Structure formats: structure tokens, C-alpha cells
Amino acid sequence: MDNKLENKRDHDEFFDRMMSIEGNFFEFDYIGFHCECVRNSSTKTWCGYVYLSNDHDLWGFYNKSGVPSHPKLLFLTVHGGITFSGADEMSTYWIIGFDCAHSFDLVYFPSSLDPLCDALSVYNSRLEKRIYRTKDFVIDQLKQLVDQLNEYPKWKRLSKIDSLV
């Protein structure tokens, strides 16, 4: 996808077009895990979330900022790293997530907010290496994250065996 945006109008039109094509929300289940793709209303970028049931070994292991509470949990890799973690409103699920608003991602900055946002949008559009992360990209990342979460019990058993040797 061509991310070269010449001016603020191109920038606005690009994000408006992507929102009309992709929508703002998508959910699916993958090998027993519920997943959600949610568009951030400010940056117009996608965030991906996986719901862990309260019997999953990693329930509660990440703090609110997404930082692993145990060094061995750094094994989870996803675009930009885990940036969200917390229980749902009913404490039925532990949700971990990531976003696509990093320095290497194409992000929307509305010029209507203030002059700084306008300056950032121009800066953003001139960096050709910034990439817009599509909904399909986020779905793929969520599936890869779920695959890792699904493997965690096996990984945990192997690490216990290693510690005994």
C-alpha cells in the first residue's frame, strides 16, 4: 500500500478512506480465544486485544501498562509489544493488547486540535518508512499472539523441567 502522502488533505482522505473500507471494529474467535480489533478514535489506528479466561496461566501477569510482571513473560511477541493489560468490567477475562501507533507506524493527527497536531501530521506524512497497519495486519498479529498464548502451558512445563536439571 502506498503511504506517500503529499499534504494534509491527502493524509485526511487516506484515513477517511481506510475507515470506510475497514470499519472501526472487528471481532473473531481463534482456537478458543476471543479477539477484537478496535480502531483508536484519536489516532485512527488499530489496536488488537485477546481475552484470556480466568483459568489461563497468564491471567493477571501483565500490569496495566502492559509490562510483564515476570521476566519469563517477555516471550510474547507482537507488533510494538504488549501495551495494554487488565481485567474486563466483570473480571471474567484478562485482556492483553497492542496498538499500531508507534513511531514507525502511520498515525493520524487531526489539524483541528491544535497547531502541534498539524505540524505532526505533516511530519508524519513525510516519513515514507511509516506504514499504515491494516485491519488484516492486526488480525494476523492477533492470531500469532494467540498461537503463543496457546503454547504457553507447554513452554511453562519445559521451563520447569529446565530448572530441575
C-alpha atoms as a PDB file:
ATOM      1  CA  MET A   1       0.000   0.000   0.000  1.00  0.00           C
ATOM      2  CA  ASP A   2       1.371   3.428  -0.950  1.00  0.00           C
ATOM      3  CA  ASN A   3       1.755   5.519   2.182  1.00  0.00           C
ATOM      4  CA  LYS A   4       3.282   8.534   0.464  1.00  0.00           C
ATOM      5  CA  LEU A   5       1.010  11.389   1.460  1.00  0.00           C
ATOM      6  CA  GLU A   6       1.936  14.739  -0.035  1.00  0.00           C
ATOM      7  CA  ASN A   7      -0.169  17.056   2.104  1.00  0.00           C
ATOM      8  CA  LYS A   8      -2.663  17.257   4.943  1.00  0.00           C
ATOM      9  CA  ARG A   9      -5.624  16.769   2.589  1.00  0.00           C
ATOM     10  CA  ASP A  10      -4.105  13.528   1.259  1.00  0.00           C
ATOM     11  CA  HIS A  11      -3.492  12.466   4.839  1.00  0.00           C
ATOM     12  CA  ASP A  12      -7.118  13.102   5.883  1.00  0.00           C
ATOM     13  CA  GLU A  13      -8.534  11.443   2.771  1.00  0.00           C
ATOM     14  CA  PHE A  14      -6.324   8.388   3.234  1.00  0.00           C
ATOM     15  CA  PHE A  15      -7.540   7.776   6.780  1.00  0.00           C
ATOM     16  CA  ASP A  16     -11.169   8.519   5.877  1.00  0.00           C
ATOM     17  CA  ARG A  17     -10.922   6.018   3.005  1.00  0.00           C
ATOM     18  CA  MET A  18      -9.369   3.336   5.213  1.00  0.00           C
ATOM     19  CA  MET A  19     -12.063   3.823   7.856  1.00  0.00           C
ATOM     20  CA  SER A  20     -14.810   3.455   5.256  1.00  0.00           C
ATOM     21  CA  ILE A  21     -13.190   0.289   3.841  1.00  0.00           C
ATOM     22  CA  GLU A  22     -12.188  -1.410   7.098  1.00  0.00           C
ATOM     23  CA  GLY A  23     -14.679  -0.055   9.631  1.00  0.00           C
ATOM     24  CA  ASN A  24     -13.810   0.619  13.252  1.00  0.00           C
ATOM     25  CA  PHE A  25     -14.409  -2.715  14.985  1.00  0.00           C
ATOM     26  CA  PHE A  26     -13.986  -6.389  14.201  1.00  0.00           C
ATOM     27  CA  GLU A  27     -14.157  -9.431  16.467  1.00  0.00           C
ATOM     28  CA  PHE A  28     -13.460 -13.098  15.930  1.00  0.00           C
ATOM     29  CA  ASP A  29     -12.624 -16.283  17.808  1.00  0.00           C
ATOM     30  CA  TYR A  30      -9.437 -18.173  17.094  1.00  0.00           C
ATOM     31  CA  ILE A  31      -8.589 -21.569  18.615  1.00  0.00           C
ATOM     32  CA  GLY A  32     -10.703 -20.871  21.683  1.00  0.00           C
ATOM     33  CA  PHE A  33      -9.613 -17.259  22.300  1.00  0.00           C
ATOM     34  CA  HIS A  34     -11.819 -14.228  21.715  1.00  0.00           C
ATOM     35  CA  CYS A  35     -10.077 -11.413  19.807  1.00  0.00           C
ATOM     36  CA  GLU A  36     -11.033  -7.837  18.984  1.00  0.00           C
ATOM     37  CA  CYS A  37      -9.703  -5.226  16.597  1.00  0.00           C
ATOM     38  CA  VAL A  38     -10.685  -1.721  17.707  1.00  0.00           C
ATOM     39  CA  ARG A  39      -9.819   1.493  15.913  1.00  0.00           C
ATOM     40  CA  ASN A  40      -8.489   4.248  18.175  1.00  0.00           C
ATOM     41  CA  SER A  41     -10.758   7.248  17.658  1.00  0.00           C
ATOM     42  CA  SER A  42      -7.908   9.781  18.039  1.00  0.00           C
ATOM     43  CA  THR A  43      -5.078   8.262  16.006  1.00  0.00           C
ATOM     44  CA  LYS A  44      -7.383   6.254  13.694  1.00  0.00           C
ATOM     45  CA  THR A  45      -5.008   3.313  14.088  1.00  0.00           C
ATOM     46  CA  TRP A  46      -5.911  -0.219  15.080  1.00  0.00           C
ATOM     47  CA  CYS A  47      -5.492  -1.862  18.482  1.00  0.00           C
ATOM     48  CA  GLY A  48      -5.684  -5.615  18.954  1.00  0.00           C
ATOM     49  CA  TYR A  49      -6.950  -7.407  22.064  1.00  0.00           C
ATOM     50  CA  VAL A  50      -7.013 -11.031  23.208  1.00  0.00           C
ATOM     51  CA  TYR A  51      -9.296 -12.168  26.027  1.00  0.00           C
ATOM     52  CA  LEU A  52      -7.842 -14.738  28.431  1.00  0.00           C
ATOM     53  CA  SER A  53     -10.252 -16.774  30.542  1.00  0.00           C
ATOM     54  CA  ASN A  54      -9.713 -16.661  34.298  1.00  0.00           C
ATOM     55  CA  ASP A  55      -8.256 -20.180  34.247  1.00  0.00           C
ATOM     56  CA  HIS A  56      -5.456 -19.246  31.814  1.00  0.00           C
ATOM     57  CA  ASP A  57      -1.968 -19.408  33.338  1.00  0.00           C
ATOM     58  CA  LEU A  58      -1.237 -15.817  32.302  1.00  0.00           C
ATOM     59  CA  TRP A  59      -4.316 -14.296  33.992  1.00  0.00           C
ATOM     60  CA  GLY A  60      -3.139 -11.096  35.686  1.00  0.00           C
ATOM     61  CA  PHE A  61       0.535 -11.494  34.765  1.00  0.00           C
ATOM     62  CA  TYR A  62       0.811  -8.180  32.941  1.00  0.00           C
ATOM     63  CA  ASN A  63       0.333  -4.884  34.729  1.00  0.00           C
ATOM     64  CA  LYS A  64      -1.913  -2.075  33.441  1.00  0.00           C
ATOM     65  CA  SER A  65       0.789  -0.589  31.210  1.00  0.00           C
ATOM     66  CA  GLY A  66       1.390  -3.937  29.548  1.00  0.00           C
ATOM     67  CA  VAL A  67       4.744  -4.523  31.230  1.00  0.00           C
ATOM     68  CA  PRO A  68       5.292  -8.186  32.092  1.00  0.00           C
ATOM     69  CA  SER A  69       5.293  -8.781  35.839  1.00  0.00           C
ATOM     70  CA  HIS A  70       7.682 -11.696  35.355  1.00  0.00           C
ATOM     71  CA  PRO A  71      10.773 -11.689  33.066  1.00  0.00           C
ATOM     72  CA  LYS A  72       9.911 -15.060  31.522  1.00  0.00           C
ATOM     73  CA  LEU A  73       6.764 -13.495  30.061  1.00  0.00           C
ATOM     74  CA  LEU A  74       8.823 -11.470  27.627  1.00  0.00           C
ATOM     75  CA  PHE A  75       8.424 -14.407  25.257  1.00  0.00           C
ATOM     76  CA  LEU A  76       5.171 -12.912  23.931  1.00  0.00           C
ATOM     77  CA  THR A  77       5.975 -11.012  20.768  1.00  0.00           C
ATOM     78  CA  VAL A  78       3.519  -8.872  18.863  1.00  0.00           C
ATOM     79  CA  HIS A  79       3.721  -5.645  16.849  1.00  0.00           C
ATOM     80  CA  GLY A  80       5.238  -2.985  19.125  1.00  0.00           C
ATOM     81  CA  GLY A  81       4.922  -5.231  22.182  1.00  0.00           C
ATOM     82  CA  ILE A  82       2.114  -5.643  24.690  1.00  0.00           C
ATOM     83  CA  THR A  83       0.835  -2.139  25.500  1.00  0.00           C
ATOM     84  CA  PHE A  84      -2.346  -2.931  27.395  1.00  0.00           C
ATOM     85  CA  SER A  85      -3.358  -5.358  30.097  1.00  0.00           C
ATOM     86  CA  GLY A  86      -6.240  -5.524  32.527  1.00  0.00           C
ATOM     87  CA  ALA A  87      -9.409  -7.296  33.582  1.00  0.00           C
ATOM     88  CA  ASP A  88     -12.725  -6.670  31.878  1.00  0.00           C
ATOM     89  CA  GLU A  89     -15.520  -4.954  33.832  1.00  0.00           C
ATOM     90  CA  MET A  90     -16.840  -8.216  35.277  1.00  0.00           C
ATOM     91  CA  SER A  91     -13.333  -9.672  35.926  1.00  0.00           C
ATOM     92  CA  THR A  92     -14.301 -12.615  33.752  1.00  0.00           C
ATOM     93  CA  TYR A  93     -11.424 -12.129  31.312  1.00  0.00           C
ATOM     94  CA  TRP A  94      -7.907 -10.774  31.430  1.00  0.00           C
ATOM     95  CA  ILE A  95      -7.330  -8.700  28.309  1.00  0.00           C
ATOM     96  CA  ILE A  96      -3.930  -8.128  26.764  1.00  0.00           C
ATOM     97  CA  GLY A  97      -3.427  -5.923  23.763  1.00  0.00           C
ATOM     98  CA  PHE A  98      -1.193  -3.951  21.472  1.00  0.00           C
ATOM     99  CA  ASP A  99      -1.541  -0.858  19.330  1.00  0.00           C
ATOM    100  CA  CYS A 100      -0.392   0.326  15.921  1.00  0.00           C
ATOM    101  CA  ALA A 101       0.514   3.894  16.896  1.00  0.00           C
ATOM    102  CA  HIS A 102       4.266   3.570  17.297  1.00  0.00           C
ATOM    103  CA  SER A 103       6.951   5.826  15.848  1.00  0.00           C
ATOM    104  CA  PHE A 104       7.271   3.505  12.846  1.00  0.00           C
ATOM    105  CA  ASP A 105       3.503   3.429  12.148  1.00  0.00           C
ATOM    106  CA  LEU A 106       1.460   5.869  10.100  1.00  0.00           C
ATOM    107  CA  VAL A 107      -0.757   7.748  12.566  1.00  0.00           C
ATOM    108  CA  TYR A 108      -3.498  10.316  12.041  1.00  0.00           C
ATOM    109  CA  PHE A 109      -3.107  13.726  13.675  1.00  0.00           C
ATOM    110  CA  PRO A 110      -6.163  15.951  13.256  1.00  0.00           C
ATOM    111  CA  SER A 111      -5.209  19.528  12.444  1.00  0.00           C
ATOM    112  CA  SER A 112      -8.365  20.749  14.155  1.00  0.00           C
ATOM    113  CA  LEU A 113      -6.959  20.029  17.618  1.00  0.00           C
ATOM    114  CA  ASP A 114      -4.068  22.484  17.683  1.00  0.00           C
ATOM    115  CA  PRO A 115      -1.060  23.661  15.652  1.00  0.00           C
ATOM    116  CA  LEU A 116       1.159  20.938  17.122  1.00  0.00           C
ATOM    117  CA  CYS A 117      -1.083  18.213  15.695  1.00  0.00           C
ATOM    118  CA  ASP A 118      -0.992  19.873  12.286  1.00  0.00           C
ATOM    119  CA  ALA A 119       2.798  20.010  12.428  1.00  0.00           C
ATOM    120  CA  LEU A 120       2.917  16.353  13.466  1.00  0.00           C
ATOM    121  CA  SER A 121       0.631  15.312  10.619  1.00  0.00           C
ATOM    122  CA  VAL A 122       2.929  16.971   8.088  1.00  0.00           C
ATOM    123  CA  TYR A 123       5.942  15.365   9.771  1.00  0.00           C
ATOM    124  CA  ASN A 124       4.131  12.024   9.772  1.00  0.00           C
ATOM    125  CA  SER A 125       3.264  12.215   6.082  1.00  0.00           C
ATOM    126  CA  ARG A 126       6.833  12.990   5.031  1.00  0.00           C
ATOM    127  CA  LEU A 127       8.268   9.868   6.594  1.00  0.00           C
ATOM    128  CA  GLU A 128       7.893   7.345   3.816  1.00  0.00           C
ATOM    129  CA  LYS A 129       9.008   4.494   6.060  1.00  0.00           C
ATOM    130  CA  ARG A 130       5.945   4.859   8.264  1.00  0.00           C
ATOM    131  CA  ILE A 131       3.446   2.147   7.472  1.00  0.00           C
ATOM    132  CA  TYR A 132      -0.313   2.093   7.862  1.00  0.00           C
ATOM    133  CA  ARG A 133      -1.199  -1.124   9.679  1.00  0.00           C
ATOM    134  CA  THR A 134      -4.373  -2.559   8.192  1.00  0.00           C
ATOM    135  CA  LYS A 135      -7.118  -4.485   9.947  1.00  0.00           C
ATOM    136  CA  ASP A 136      -5.821  -7.639   8.218  1.00  0.00           C
ATOM    137  CA  PHE A 137      -2.358  -6.965   9.663  1.00  0.00           C
ATOM    138  CA  VAL A 138      -3.869  -6.698  13.162  1.00  0.00           C
ATOM    139  CA  ILE A 139      -5.867  -9.911  12.662  1.00  0.00           C
ATOM    140  CA  ASP A 140      -2.650 -11.725  11.664  1.00  0.00           C
ATOM    141  CA  GLN A 141      -0.818 -10.295  14.688  1.00  0.00           C
ATOM    142  CA  LEU A 142      -3.649 -11.391  16.994  1.00  0.00           C
ATOM    143  CA  LYS A 143      -3.531 -14.921  15.594  1.00  0.00           C
ATOM    144  CA  GLN A 144       0.241 -15.048  16.137  1.00  0.00           C
ATOM    145  CA  LEU A 145      -0.234 -13.777  19.697  1.00  0.00           C
ATOM    146  CA  VAL A 146      -2.939 -16.385  20.359  1.00  0.00           C
ATOM    147  CA  ASP A 147      -0.656 -19.113  18.985  1.00  0.00           C
ATOM    148  CA  GLN A 148       1.965 -18.022  21.545  1.00  0.00           C
ATOM    149  CA  LEU A 149      -0.606 -17.895  24.346  1.00  0.00           C
ATOM    150  CA  ASN A 150      -1.838 -21.347  23.388  1.00  0.00           C
ATOM    151  CA  GLU A 151       1.729 -22.679  23.574  1.00  0.00           C
ATOM    152  CA  TYR A 152       2.414 -21.092  26.977  1.00  0.00           C
ATOM    153  CA  PRO A 153       1.386 -24.094  29.126  1.00  0.00           C
ATOM    154  CA  LYS A 154       3.822 -26.299  27.163  1.00  0.00           C
ATOM    155  CA  TRP A 155       6.534 -23.632  27.393  1.00  0.00           C
ATOM    156  CA  LYS A 156       5.948 -23.328  31.157  1.00  0.00           C
ATOM    157  CA  ARG A 157       6.283 -27.092  31.636  1.00  0.00           C
ATOM    158  CA  LEU A 158       9.539 -27.117  29.656  1.00  0.00           C
ATOM    159  CA  SER A 159      10.977 -24.247  31.732  1.00  0.00           C
ATOM    160  CA  LYS A 160      10.142 -26.153  34.955  1.00  0.00           C
ATOM    161  CA  ILE A 161      11.994 -29.188  33.620  1.00  0.00           C
ATOM    162  CA  ASP A 162      14.976 -26.973  32.694  1.00  0.00           C
ATOM    163  CA  SER A 163      15.078 -25.518  36.209  1.00  0.00           C
ATOM    164  CA  LEU A 164      15.279 -29.018  37.694  1.00  0.00           C
ATOM    165  CA  VAL A 165      18.259 -30.016  35.555  1.00  0.00           C
END
